[in-house]
Full PDB file with SEQRES, HELIX, SHEET, SSBOND, CRYST1, ORIGX, SCALE, CONECT and MASTER records, all heavy atoms in Angstrom:
SEQRES   1 A   41  ASP GLU ILE SER ILE ILE THR ILE GLU ASP PRO ILE GLU          
SEQRES   2 A   41  TYR SER ILE GLY GLY ILE ASP GLN ILE GLN VAL ASN PRO          
SEQRES   3 A   41  ARG THR GLY LEU THR PHE ALA ALA GLY LEU ARG SER ILE          
SEQRES   4 A   41  LEU ARG                                                      
HELIX    1 AA1 PRO A   26  THR A   28  5                                   3    
HELIX    2 AA2 PHE A   32  LEU A   40  1                                   9    
SHEET    1 AA1 2 ILE A   6  GLU A   9  0                                        
SHEET    2 AA1 2 ASP A  20  GLN A  23  1                                        
CRYST1    1.000    1.000    1.000  90.00  90.00  90.00 P 1           1          
ORIGX1      1.000000  0.000000  0.000000        0.00000                         
ORIGX2      0.000000  1.000000  0.000000        0.00000                         
ORIGX3      0.000000  0.000000  1.000000        0.00000                         
SCALE1      1.000000  0.000000  0.000000        0.00000                         
SCALE2      0.000000  1.000000  0.000000        0.00000                         
SCALE3      0.000000  0.000000  1.000000        0.00000                         
ATOM      1  N   ASP A   1      -7.366  11.870 -19.697  1.00  0.00           N  
ATOM      2  CA  ASP A   1      -6.395  12.992 -19.664  1.00  0.00           C  
ATOM      3  C   ASP A   1      -6.263  13.678 -21.024  1.00  0.00           C  
ATOM      4  O   ASP A   1      -5.809  14.839 -21.083  1.00  0.00           O  
ATOM      5  CB  ASP A   1      -5.010  12.463 -19.235  1.00  0.00           C  
ATOM      6  CG  ASP A   1      -5.008  12.032 -17.747  1.00  0.00           C  
ATOM      7  OD1 ASP A   1      -5.912  12.500 -17.009  1.00  0.00           O  
ATOM      8  OD2 ASP A   1      -4.116  11.238 -17.382  1.00  0.00           O  
ATOM      9  N   GLU A   2      -6.567  12.960 -22.108  1.00  0.00           N  
ATOM     10  CA  GLU A   2      -6.388  13.538 -23.474  1.00  0.00           C  
ATOM     11  C   GLU A   2      -7.551  14.414 -23.895  1.00  0.00           C  
ATOM     12  O   GLU A   2      -7.474  15.036 -24.973  1.00  0.00           O  
ATOM     13  CB  GLU A   2      -6.245  12.410 -24.499  1.00  0.00           C  
ATOM     14  CG  GLU A   2      -5.041  11.496 -24.299  1.00  0.00           C  
ATOM     15  CD  GLU A   2      -5.265  10.418 -23.239  1.00  0.00           C  
ATOM     16  OE1 GLU A   2      -6.438   9.947 -23.153  1.00  0.00           O  
ATOM     17  OE2 GLU A   2      -4.332  10.081 -22.486  1.00  0.00           O  
ATOM     18  N   ILE A   3      -8.567  14.500 -23.087  1.00  0.00           N  
ATOM     19  CA  ILE A   3      -9.791  15.231 -23.508  1.00  0.00           C  
ATOM     20  C   ILE A   3     -10.150  16.300 -22.539  1.00  0.00           C  
ATOM     21  O   ILE A   3     -10.019  16.162 -21.308  1.00  0.00           O  
ATOM     22  CB  ILE A   3     -10.974  14.211 -23.614  1.00  0.00           C  
ATOM     23  CG1 ILE A   3     -10.793  13.337 -24.848  1.00  0.00           C  
ATOM     24  CG2 ILE A   3     -12.324  14.959 -23.716  1.00  0.00           C  
ATOM     25  CD1 ILE A   3     -11.844  12.268 -24.989  1.00  0.00           C  
ATOM     26  N   SER A   4     -10.548  17.475 -23.084  1.00  0.00           N  
ATOM     27  CA  SER A   4     -10.960  18.606 -22.246  1.00  0.00           C  
ATOM     28  C   SER A   4     -12.469  18.623 -22.157  1.00  0.00           C  
ATOM     29  O   SER A   4     -13.153  18.686 -23.176  1.00  0.00           O  
ATOM     30  CB  SER A   4     -10.457  19.940 -22.831  1.00  0.00           C  
ATOM     31  OG  SER A   4     -11.070  21.047 -22.170  1.00  0.00           O  
ATOM     32  N   ILE A   5     -12.994  18.487 -20.953  1.00  0.00           N  
ATOM     33  CA  ILE A   5     -14.458  18.482 -20.732  1.00  0.00           C  
ATOM     34  C   ILE A   5     -14.835  19.693 -19.853  1.00  0.00           C  
ATOM     35  O   ILE A   5     -14.247  19.848 -18.774  1.00  0.00           O  
ATOM     36  CB  ILE A   5     -14.925  17.187 -20.064  1.00  0.00           C  
ATOM     37  CG1 ILE A   5     -14.501  15.970 -20.900  1.00  0.00           C  
ATOM     38  CG2 ILE A   5     -16.445  17.195 -19.843  1.00  0.00           C  
ATOM     39  CD1 ILE A   5     -14.858  14.619 -20.280  1.00  0.00           C  
ATOM     40  N   ILE A   6     -15.791  20.480 -20.306  1.00  0.00           N  
ATOM     41  CA  ILE A   6     -16.280  21.608 -19.521  1.00  0.00           C  
ATOM     42  C   ILE A   6     -17.801  21.499 -19.444  1.00  0.00           C  
ATOM     43  O   ILE A   6     -18.473  21.214 -20.426  1.00  0.00           O  
ATOM     44  CB  ILE A   6     -15.850  22.983 -20.125  1.00  0.00           C  
ATOM     45  CG1 ILE A   6     -14.358  23.030 -20.394  1.00  0.00           C  
ATOM     46  CG2 ILE A   6     -16.297  24.119 -19.235  1.00  0.00           C  
ATOM     47  CD1 ILE A   6     -13.861  24.323 -21.005  1.00  0.00           C  
ATOM     48  N   THR A   7     -18.310  21.740 -18.216  1.00  0.00           N  
ATOM     49  CA  THR A   7     -19.784  21.704 -18.035  1.00  0.00           C  
ATOM     50  C   THR A   7     -20.273  23.058 -17.539  1.00  0.00           C  
ATOM     51  O   THR A   7     -19.537  23.787 -16.900  1.00  0.00           O  
ATOM     52  CB  THR A   7     -20.195  20.626 -17.030  1.00  0.00           C  
ATOM     53  OG1 THR A   7     -19.905  21.060 -15.697  1.00  0.00           O  
ATOM     54  CG2 THR A   7     -19.527  19.297 -17.289  1.00  0.00           C  
ATOM     55  N   ILE A   8     -21.518  23.376 -17.865  1.00  0.00           N  
ATOM     56  CA  ILE A   8     -22.194  24.510 -17.224  1.00  0.00           C  
ATOM     57  C   ILE A   8     -23.518  23.993 -16.711  1.00  0.00           C  
ATOM     58  O   ILE A   8     -24.314  23.415 -17.429  1.00  0.00           O  
ATOM     59  CB  ILE A   8     -22.374  25.720 -18.172  1.00  0.00           C  
ATOM     60  CG1 ILE A   8     -23.085  26.833 -17.463  1.00  0.00           C  
ATOM     61  CG2 ILE A   8     -23.072  25.357 -19.481  1.00  0.00           C  
ATOM     62  CD1 ILE A   8     -22.872  28.221 -18.020  1.00  0.00           C  
ATOM     63  N   GLU A   9     -23.735  24.171 -15.373  1.00  0.00           N  
ATOM     64  CA  GLU A   9     -24.844  23.501 -14.720  1.00  0.00           C  
ATOM     65  C   GLU A   9     -25.590  24.458 -13.766  1.00  0.00           C  
ATOM     66  O   GLU A   9     -25.046  25.451 -13.358  1.00  0.00           O  
ATOM     67  CB  GLU A   9     -24.312  22.319 -13.909  1.00  0.00           C  
ATOM     68  CG  GLU A   9     -23.480  21.333 -14.693  1.00  0.00           C  
ATOM     69  CD  GLU A   9     -22.762  20.324 -13.826  1.00  0.00           C  
ATOM     70  OE1 GLU A   9     -23.449  19.614 -13.041  1.00  0.00           O  
ATOM     71  OE2 GLU A   9     -21.496  20.226 -13.908  1.00  0.00           O  
ATOM     72  N   ASP A  10     -26.817  24.103 -13.463  1.00  0.00           N  
ATOM     73  CA  ASP A  10     -27.605  24.863 -12.503  1.00  0.00           C  
ATOM     74  C   ASP A  10     -28.557  23.887 -11.767  1.00  0.00           C  
ATOM     75  O   ASP A  10     -29.648  23.642 -12.159  1.00  0.00           O  
ATOM     76  CB  ASP A  10     -28.465  25.882 -13.276  1.00  0.00           C  
ATOM     77  CG  ASP A  10     -29.274  26.774 -12.335  1.00  0.00           C  
ATOM     78  OD1 ASP A  10     -28.885  26.880 -11.144  1.00  0.00           O  
ATOM     79  OD2 ASP A  10     -30.331  27.299 -12.788  1.00  0.00           O  
ATOM     80  N   PRO A  11     -28.062  23.431 -10.564  1.00  0.00           N  
ATOM     81  CA  PRO A  11     -26.756  23.692  -9.950  1.00  0.00           C  
ATOM     82  C   PRO A  11     -25.785  22.543 -10.280  1.00  0.00           C  
ATOM     83  O   PRO A  11     -26.183  21.596 -10.959  1.00  0.00           O  
ATOM     84  CB  PRO A  11     -27.069  23.638  -8.460  1.00  0.00           C  
ATOM     85  CG  PRO A  11     -28.164  22.573  -8.409  1.00  0.00           C  
ATOM     86  CD  PRO A  11     -28.960  22.696  -9.676  1.00  0.00           C  
ATOM     87  N   ILE A  12     -24.535  22.687  -9.820  1.00  0.00           N  
ATOM     88  CA  ILE A  12     -23.581  21.553  -9.903  1.00  0.00           C  
ATOM     89  C   ILE A  12     -23.975  20.542  -8.836  1.00  0.00           C  
ATOM     90  O   ILE A  12     -23.914  20.867  -7.638  1.00  0.00           O  
ATOM     91  CB  ILE A  12     -22.120  22.056  -9.680  1.00  0.00           C  
ATOM     92  CG1 ILE A  12     -21.737  23.019 -10.825  1.00  0.00           C  
ATOM     93  CG2 ILE A  12     -21.149  20.878  -9.583  1.00  0.00           C  
ATOM     94  CD1 ILE A  12     -20.425  23.743 -10.559  1.00  0.00           C  
ATOM     95  N   GLU A  13     -24.375  19.368  -9.245  1.00  0.00           N  
ATOM     96  CA  GLU A  13     -24.879  18.376  -8.244  1.00  0.00           C  
ATOM     97  C   GLU A  13     -23.763  17.554  -7.663  1.00  0.00           C  
ATOM     98  O   GLU A  13     -23.758  17.238  -6.499  1.00  0.00           O  
ATOM     99  CB  GLU A  13     -25.932  17.502  -8.914  1.00  0.00           C  
ATOM    100  CG  GLU A  13     -27.165  18.305  -9.311  1.00  0.00           C  
ATOM    101  CD  GLU A  13     -28.423  17.437  -9.330  1.00  0.00           C  
ATOM    102  OE1 GLU A  13     -28.393  16.289  -8.888  1.00  0.00           O  
ATOM    103  OE2 GLU A  13     -29.459  17.982  -9.760  1.00  0.00           O  
ATOM    104  N   TYR A  14     -22.757  17.197  -8.511  1.00  0.00           N  
ATOM    105  CA  TYR A  14     -21.644  16.420  -8.019  1.00  0.00           C  
ATOM    106  C   TYR A  14     -20.344  16.959  -8.589  1.00  0.00           C  
ATOM    107  O   TYR A  14     -20.336  17.338  -9.790  1.00  0.00           O  
ATOM    108  CB  TYR A  14     -21.790  14.934  -8.416  1.00  0.00           C  
ATOM    109  CG  TYR A  14     -22.988  14.245  -7.858  1.00  0.00           C  
ATOM    110  CD1 TYR A  14     -24.026  13.852  -8.731  1.00  0.00           C  
ATOM    111  CD2 TYR A  14     -23.112  14.037  -6.503  1.00  0.00           C  
ATOM    112  CE1 TYR A  14     -25.185  13.211  -8.200  1.00  0.00           C  
ATOM    113  CE2 TYR A  14     -24.257  13.415  -6.002  1.00  0.00           C  
ATOM    114  CZ  TYR A  14     -25.282  13.033  -6.841  1.00  0.00           C  
ATOM    115  OH  TYR A  14     -26.396  12.442  -6.315  1.00  0.00           O  
ATOM    116  N   SER A  15     -19.295  16.971  -7.812  1.00  0.00           N  
ATOM    117  CA  SER A  15     -18.024  17.401  -8.275  1.00  0.00           C  
ATOM    118  C   SER A  15     -17.292  16.192  -8.935  1.00  0.00           C  
ATOM    119  O   SER A  15     -17.216  15.119  -8.305  1.00  0.00           O  
ATOM    120  CB  SER A  15     -17.205  17.921  -7.101  1.00  0.00           C  
ATOM    121  OG  SER A  15     -15.886  18.208  -7.522  1.00  0.00           O  
ATOM    122  N   ILE A  16     -16.783  16.356 -10.150  1.00  0.00           N  
ATOM    123  CA  ILE A  16     -16.089  15.256 -10.856  1.00  0.00           C  
ATOM    124  C   ILE A  16     -14.646  15.707 -11.105  1.00  0.00           C  
ATOM    125  O   ILE A  16     -14.402  16.769 -11.752  1.00  0.00           O  
ATOM    126  CB  ILE A  16     -16.785  14.943 -12.198  1.00  0.00           C  
ATOM    127  CG1 ILE A  16     -18.275  14.613 -11.973  1.00  0.00           C  
ATOM    128  CG2 ILE A  16     -16.098  13.784 -12.876  1.00  0.00           C  
ATOM    129  CD1 ILE A  16     -19.053  14.453 -13.238  1.00  0.00           C  
ATOM    130  N   GLY A  17     -13.717  14.950 -10.657  1.00  0.00           N  
ATOM    131  CA  GLY A  17     -12.287  15.259 -10.822  1.00  0.00           C  
ATOM    132  C   GLY A  17     -11.898  15.252 -12.288  1.00  0.00           C  
ATOM    133  O   GLY A  17     -12.326  14.446 -13.078  1.00  0.00           O  
ATOM    134  N   GLY A  18     -11.056  16.229 -12.646  1.00  0.00           N  
ATOM    135  CA  GLY A  18     -10.526  16.274 -14.043  1.00  0.00           C  
ATOM    136  C   GLY A  18     -11.420  17.007 -14.992  1.00  0.00           C  
ATOM    137  O   GLY A  18     -11.178  17.030 -16.222  1.00  0.00           O  
ATOM    138  N   ILE A  19     -12.536  17.594 -14.482  1.00  0.00           N  
ATOM    139  CA  ILE A  19     -13.493  18.275 -15.348  1.00  0.00           C  
ATOM    140  C   ILE A  19     -13.711  19.723 -14.815  1.00  0.00           C  
ATOM    141  O   ILE A  19     -13.781  19.896 -13.603  1.00  0.00           O  
ATOM    142  CB  ILE A  19     -14.834  17.514 -15.365  1.00  0.00           C  
ATOM    143  CG1 ILE A  19     -14.639  16.197 -16.144  1.00  0.00           C  
ATOM    144  CG2 ILE A  19     -15.949  18.349 -15.986  1.00  0.00           C  
ATOM    145  CD1 ILE A  19     -15.842  15.294 -16.056  1.00  0.00           C  
ATOM    146  N   ASP A  20     -13.773  20.708 -15.711  1.00  0.00           N  
ATOM    147  CA  ASP A  20     -14.086  22.061 -15.327  1.00  0.00           C  
ATOM    148  C   ASP A  20     -15.578  22.243 -15.269  1.00  0.00           C  
ATOM    149  O   ASP A  20     -16.249  22.136 -16.285  1.00  0.00           O  
ATOM    150  CB  ASP A  20     -13.477  23.068 -16.301  1.00  0.00           C  
ATOM    151  CG  ASP A  20     -11.946  23.092 -16.253  1.00  0.00           C  
ATOM    152  OD1 ASP A  20     -11.414  22.931 -15.120  1.00  0.00           O  
ATOM    153  OD2 ASP A  20     -11.304  23.195 -17.260  1.00  0.00           O  
ATOM    154  N   GLN A  21     -16.153  22.523 -14.082  1.00  0.00           N  
ATOM    155  CA  GLN A  21     -17.607  22.628 -13.912  1.00  0.00           C  
ATOM    156  C   GLN A  21     -17.920  24.083 -13.538  1.00  0.00           C  
ATOM    157  O   GLN A  21     -17.336  24.630 -12.596  1.00  0.00           O  
ATOM    158  CB  GLN A  21     -18.115  21.649 -12.851  1.00  0.00           C  
ATOM    159  CG  GLN A  21     -17.959  20.217 -13.241  1.00  0.00           C  
ATOM    160  CD  GLN A  21     -18.318  19.283 -12.108  1.00  0.00           C  
ATOM    161  OE1 GLN A  21     -17.459  18.913 -11.313  1.00  0.00           O  
ATOM    162  NE2 GLN A  21     -19.599  18.886 -12.029  1.00  0.00           N  
ATOM    163  N   ILE A  22     -18.831  24.693 -14.283  1.00  0.00           N  
ATOM    164  CA  ILE A  22     -19.220  26.091 -14.104  1.00  0.00           C  
ATOM    165  C   ILE A  22     -20.654  26.118 -13.583  1.00  0.00           C  
ATOM    166  O   ILE A  22     -21.535  25.478 -14.105  1.00  0.00           O  
ATOM    167  CB  ILE A  22     -19.121  26.886 -15.422  1.00  0.00           C  
ATOM    168  CG1 ILE A  22     -17.645  26.848 -15.927  1.00  0.00           C  
ATOM    169  CG2 ILE A  22     -19.580  28.316 -15.240  1.00  0.00           C  
ATOM    170  CD1 ILE A  22     -17.487  27.348 -17.352  1.00  0.00           C  
ATOM    171  N   GLN A  23     -20.876  26.971 -12.537  1.00  0.00           N  
ATOM    172  CA  GLN A  23     -22.218  27.134 -11.954  1.00  0.00           C  
ATOM    173  C   GLN A  23     -22.890  28.369 -12.595  1.00  0.00           C  
ATOM    174  O   GLN A  23     -22.318  29.443 -12.629  1.00  0.00           O  
ATOM    175  CB  GLN A  23     -22.085  27.302 -10.443  1.00  0.00           C  
ATOM    176  CG  GLN A  23     -23.310  27.866  -9.741  1.00  0.00           C  
ATOM    177  CD  GLN A  23     -24.390  26.808  -9.559  1.00  0.00           C  
ATOM    178  OE1 GLN A  23     -24.107  25.728  -9.048  1.00  0.00           O  
ATOM    179  NE2 GLN A  23     -25.596  27.118  -9.968  1.00  0.00           N  
ATOM    180  N   VAL A  24     -24.097  28.169 -13.079  1.00  0.00           N  
ATOM    181  CA  VAL A  24     -24.884  29.267 -13.617  1.00  0.00           C  
ATOM    182  C   VAL A  24     -25.133  30.285 -12.506  1.00  0.00           C  
ATOM    183  O   VAL A  24     -25.414  29.927 -11.344  1.00  0.00           O  
ATOM    184  CB  VAL A  24     -26.232  28.750 -14.199  1.00  0.00           C  
ATOM    185  CG1 VAL A  24     -27.219  29.902 -14.414  1.00  0.00           C  
ATOM    186  CG2 VAL A  24     -26.016  28.025 -15.510  1.00  0.00           C  
ATOM    187  N   ASN A  25     -25.056  31.607 -12.858  1.00  0.00           N  
ATOM    188  CA  ASN A  25     -25.337  32.655 -11.874  1.00  0.00           C  
ATOM    189  C   ASN A  25     -25.966  33.842 -12.570  1.00  0.00           C  
ATOM    190  O   ASN A  25     -25.289  34.738 -13.018  1.00  0.00           O  
ATOM    191  CB  ASN A  25     -24.005  33.101 -11.176  1.00  0.00           C  
ATOM    192  CG  ASN A  25     -24.274  34.033 -10.030  1.00  0.00           C  
ATOM    193  OD1 ASN A  25     -25.377  34.542  -9.826  1.00  0.00           O  
ATOM    194  ND2 ASN A  25     -23.238  34.304  -9.250  1.00  0.00           N  
ATOM    195  N   PRO A  26     -27.288  33.813 -12.695  1.00  0.00           N  
ATOM    196  CA  PRO A  26     -27.972  34.868 -13.452  1.00  0.00           C  
ATOM    197  C   PRO A  26     -27.702  36.287 -12.894  1.00  0.00           C  
ATOM    198  O   PRO A  26     -27.721  37.286 -13.636  1.00  0.00           O  
ATOM    199  CB  PRO A  26     -29.458  34.504 -13.315  1.00  0.00           C  
ATOM    200  CG  PRO A  26     -29.472  33.041 -12.990  1.00  0.00           C  
ATOM    201  CD  PRO A  26     -28.236  32.811 -12.191  1.00  0.00           C  
ATOM    202  N   ARG A  27     -27.440  36.387 -11.588  1.00  0.00           N  
ATOM    203  CA  ARG A  27     -27.222  37.700 -11.005  1.00  0.00           C  
ATOM    204  C   ARG A  27     -25.968  38.407 -11.546  1.00  0.00           C  
ATOM    205  O   ARG A  27     -25.891  39.632 -11.546  1.00  0.00           O  
ATOM    206  CB  ARG A  27     -27.115  37.587  -9.479  1.00  0.00           C  
ATOM    207  CG  ARG A  27     -28.466  37.496  -8.753  1.00  0.00           C  
ATOM    208  CD  ARG A  27     -28.345  37.401  -7.289  1.00  0.00           C  
ATOM    209  NE  ARG A  27     -27.828  36.085  -6.883  1.00  0.00           N  
ATOM    210  CZ  ARG A  27     -27.704  35.658  -5.645  1.00  0.00           C  
ATOM    211  NH1 ARG A  27     -28.097  36.446  -4.644  1.00  0.00           N  
ATOM    212  NH2 ARG A  27     -27.248  34.470  -5.311  1.00  0.00           N  
ATOM    213  N   THR A  28     -24.989  37.574 -11.977  1.00  0.00           N  
ATOM    214  CA  THR A  28     -23.784  38.161 -12.555  1.00  0.00           C  
ATOM    215  C   THR A  28     -23.785  38.071 -14.078  1.00  0.00           C  
ATOM    216  O   THR A  28     -22.783  38.353 -14.735  1.00  0.00           O  
ATOM    217  CB  THR A  28     -22.529  37.436 -12.038  1.00  0.00           C  
ATOM    218  OG1 THR A  28     -22.568  36.053 -12.402  1.00  0.00           O  
ATOM    219  CG2 THR A  28     -22.439  37.560 -10.535  1.00  0.00           C  
ATOM    220  N   GLY A  29     -24.940  37.679 -14.640  1.00  0.00           N  
ATOM    221  CA  GLY A  29     -25.057  37.566 -16.113  1.00  0.00           C  
ATOM    222  C   GLY A  29     -24.539  36.226 -16.666  1.00  0.00           C  
ATOM    223  O   GLY A  29     -24.514  36.062 -17.884  1.00  0.00           O  
ATOM    224  N   LEU A  30     -24.192  35.298 -15.752  1.00  0.00           N  
ATOM    225  CA  LEU A  30     -23.694  33.986 -16.246  1.00  0.00           C  
ATOM    226  C   LEU A  30     -24.864  33.035 -16.402  1.00  0.00           C  
ATOM    227  O   LEU A  30     -25.188  32.223 -15.580  1.00  0.00           O  
ATOM    228  CB  LEU A  30     -22.674  33.404 -15.262  1.00  0.00           C  
ATOM    229  CG  LEU A  30     -21.960  32.120 -15.646  1.00  0.00           C  
ATOM    230  CD1 LEU A  30     -21.262  32.234 -16.989  1.00  0.00           C  
ATOM    231  CD2 LEU A  30     -20.994  31.675 -14.589  1.00  0.00           C  
ATOM    232  N   THR A  31     -25.550  33.189 -17.593  1.00  0.00           N  
ATOM    233  CA  THR A  31     -26.634  32.266 -17.931  1.00  0.00           C  
ATOM    234  C   THR A  31     -26.082  31.090 -18.681  1.00  0.00           C  
ATOM    235  O   THR A  31     -24.880  31.025 -18.973  1.00  0.00           O  
ATOM    236  CB  THR A  31     -27.640  33.004 -18.789  1.00  0.00           C  
ATOM    237  OG1 THR A  31     -26.971  33.452 -20.039  1.00  0.00           O  
ATOM    238  CG2 THR A  31     -28.242  34.229 -18.129  1.00  0.00           C  
ATOM    239  N   PHE A  32     -26.958  30.131 -18.990  1.00  0.00           N  
ATOM    240  CA  PHE A  32     -26.499  29.012 -19.812  1.00  0.00           C  
ATOM    241  C   PHE A  32     -25.908  29.478 -21.144  1.00  0.00           C  
ATOM    242  O   PHE A  32     -24.858  29.026 -21.617  1.00  0.00           O  
ATOM    243  CB  PHE A  32     -27.650  28.037 -20.111  1.00  0.00           C  
ATOM    244  CG  PHE A  32     -27.894  27.021 -18.969  1.00  0.00           C  
ATOM    245  CD1 PHE A  32     -29.121  26.967 -18.320  1.00  0.00           C  
ATOM    246  CD2 PHE A  32     -26.878  26.180 -18.618  1.00  0.00           C  
ATOM    247  CE1 PHE A  32     -29.322  26.024 -17.333  1.00  0.00           C  
ATOM    248  CE2 PHE A  32     -27.100  25.220 -17.612  1.00  0.00           C  
ATOM    249  CZ  PHE A  32     -28.327  25.133 -16.970  1.00  0.00           C  
ATOM    250  N   ALA A  33     -26.608  30.414 -21.793  1.00  0.00           N  
ATOM    251  CA  ALA A  33     -26.176  30.937 -23.088  1.00  0.00           C  
ATOM    252  C   ALA A  33     -24.848  31.651 -23.007  1.00  0.00           C  
ATOM    253  O   ALA A  33     -23.881  31.413 -23.771  1.00  0.00           O  
ATOM    254  CB  ALA A  33     -27.217  31.837 -23.697  1.00  0.00           C  
ATOM    255  N   ALA A  34     -24.697  32.554 -22.001  1.00  0.00           N  
ATOM    256  CA  ALA A  34     -23.468  33.292 -21.824  1.00  0.00           C  
ATOM    257  C   ALA A  34     -22.277  32.379 -21.486  1.00  0.00           C  
ATOM    258  O   ALA A  34     -21.199  32.520 -21.978  1.00  0.00           O  
ATOM    259  CB  ALA A  34     -23.637  34.363 -20.757  1.00  0.00           C  
ATOM    260  N   GLY A  35     -22.567  31.417 -20.601  1.00  0.00           N  
ATOM    261  CA  GLY A  35     -21.525  30.467 -20.191  1.00  0.00           C  
ATOM    262  C   GLY A  35     -21.083  29.588 -21.334  1.00  0.00           C  
ATOM    263  O   GLY A  35     -19.888  29.317 -21.472  1.00  0.00           O  
ATOM    264  N   LEU A  36     -22.025  29.192 -22.163  1.00  0.00           N  
ATOM    265  CA  LEU A  36     -21.712  28.366 -23.310  1.00  0.00           C  
ATOM    266  C   LEU A  36     -20.830  29.080 -24.339  1.00  0.00           C  
ATOM    267  O   LEU A  36     -19.896  28.521 -24.860  1.00  0.00           O  
ATOM    268  CB  LEU A  36     -23.032  27.882 -23.951  1.00  0.00           C  
ATOM    269  CG  LEU A  36     -22.968  26.822 -25.049  1.00  0.00           C  
ATOM    270  CD1 LEU A  36     -22.029  25.676 -24.609  1.00  0.00           C  
ATOM    271  CD2 LEU A  36     -24.347  26.298 -25.362  1.00  0.00           C  
ATOM    272  N   ARG A  37     -21.130  30.371 -24.508  1.00  0.00           N  
ATOM    273  CA  ARG A  37     -20.267  31.196 -25.412  1.00  0.00           C  
ATOM    274  C   ARG A  37     -18.848  31.248 -24.874  1.00  0.00           C  
ATOM    275  O   ARG A  37     -17.884  31.142 -25.635  1.00  0.00           O  
ATOM    276  CB  ARG A  37     -20.828  32.603 -25.503  1.00  0.00           C  
ATOM    277  CG  ARG A  37     -21.990  32.769 -26.419  1.00  0.00           C  
ATOM    278  CD  ARG A  37     -22.177  34.224 -26.830  1.00  0.00           C  
ATOM    279  NE  ARG A  37     -23.507  34.423 -27.387  1.00  0.00           N  
ATOM    280  CZ  ARG A  37     -24.573  34.735 -26.675  1.00  0.00           C  
ATOM    281  NH1 ARG A  37     -24.494  34.911 -25.376  1.00  0.00           N  
ATOM    282  NH2 ARG A  37     -25.763  34.860 -27.282  1.00  0.00           N  
ATOM    283  N   SER A  38     -18.733  31.406 -23.564  1.00  0.00           N  
ATOM    284  CA  SER A  38     -17.422  31.486 -22.948  1.00  0.00           C  
ATOM    285  C   SER A  38     -16.654  30.156 -23.061  1.00  0.00           C  
ATOM    286  O   SER A  38     -15.479  30.109 -23.384  1.00  0.00           O  
ATOM    287  CB  SER A  38     -17.559  31.891 -21.479  1.00  0.00           C  
ATOM    288  OG  SER A  38     -16.292  31.860 -20.811  1.00  0.00           O  
ATOM    289  N   ILE A  39     -17.377  29.058 -22.841  1.00  0.00           N  
ATOM    290  CA  ILE A  39     -16.758  27.708 -22.937  1.00  0.00           C  
ATOM    291  C   ILE A  39     -16.184  27.445 -24.301  1.00  0.00           C  
ATOM    292  O   ILE A  39     -15.078  26.895 -24.455  1.00  0.00           O  
ATOM    293  CB  ILE A  39     -17.838  26.647 -22.595  1.00  0.00           C  
ATOM    294  CG1 ILE A  39     -18.127  26.675 -21.092  1.00  0.00           C  
ATOM    295  CG2 ILE A  39     -17.369  25.245 -22.982  1.00  0.00           C  
ATOM    296  CD1 ILE A  39     -19.314  25.793 -20.642  1.00  0.00           C  
ATOM    297  N   LEU A  40     -16.880  27.918 -25.352  1.00  0.00           N  
ATOM    298  CA  LEU A  40     -16.421  27.680 -26.703  1.00  0.00           C  
ATOM    299  C   LEU A  40     -15.086  28.337 -27.019  1.00  0.00           C  
ATOM    300  O   LEU A  40     -14.380  27.921 -27.928  1.00  0.00           O  
ATOM    301  CB  LEU A  40     -17.501  28.155 -27.742  1.00  0.00           C  
ATOM    302  CG  LEU A  40     -18.759  27.283 -27.796  1.00  0.00           C  
ATOM    303  CD1 LEU A  40     -19.815  27.956 -28.616  1.00  0.00           C  
ATOM    304  CD2 LEU A  40     -18.419  25.918 -28.350  1.00  0.00           C  
ATOM    305  N   ARG A  41     -14.715  29.333 -26.207  1.00  0.00           N  
ATOM    306  CA  ARG A  41     -13.420  29.995 -26.363  1.00  0.00           C  
ATOM    307  C   ARG A  41     -12.305  29.299 -25.541  1.00  0.00           C  
ATOM    308  O   ARG A  41     -11.201  29.758 -25.556  1.00  0.00           O  
ATOM    309  CB  ARG A  41     -13.506  31.473 -25.966  1.00  0.00           C  
ATOM    310  CG  ARG A  41     -14.444  32.295 -26.916  1.00  0.00           C  
ATOM    311  CD  ARG A  41     -14.314  33.775 -26.621  1.00  0.00           C  
ATOM    312  NE  ARG A  41     -14.916  34.186 -25.364  1.00  0.00           N  
ATOM    313  CZ  ARG A  41     -16.178  34.601 -25.227  1.00  0.00           C  
ATOM    314  NH1 ARG A  41     -16.994  34.589 -26.280  1.00  0.00           N  
ATOM    315  NH2 ARG A  41     -16.660  34.955 -24.068  1.00  0.00           N  
TER     316      ARG A  41                                                      
MASTER        0    0    0    2    2    0    0    6  315    1    0    4          
END                                                                             
């Protein structure tokens, strides 16, 4: 509970409770690099 964990995956293979998981979507511009920049904020 004390730690914030965010993932960016292609694809999300398993859903894990308590973690924010982001799916890569190149069609909307959400690449690994773009998603990682967003996560850092």
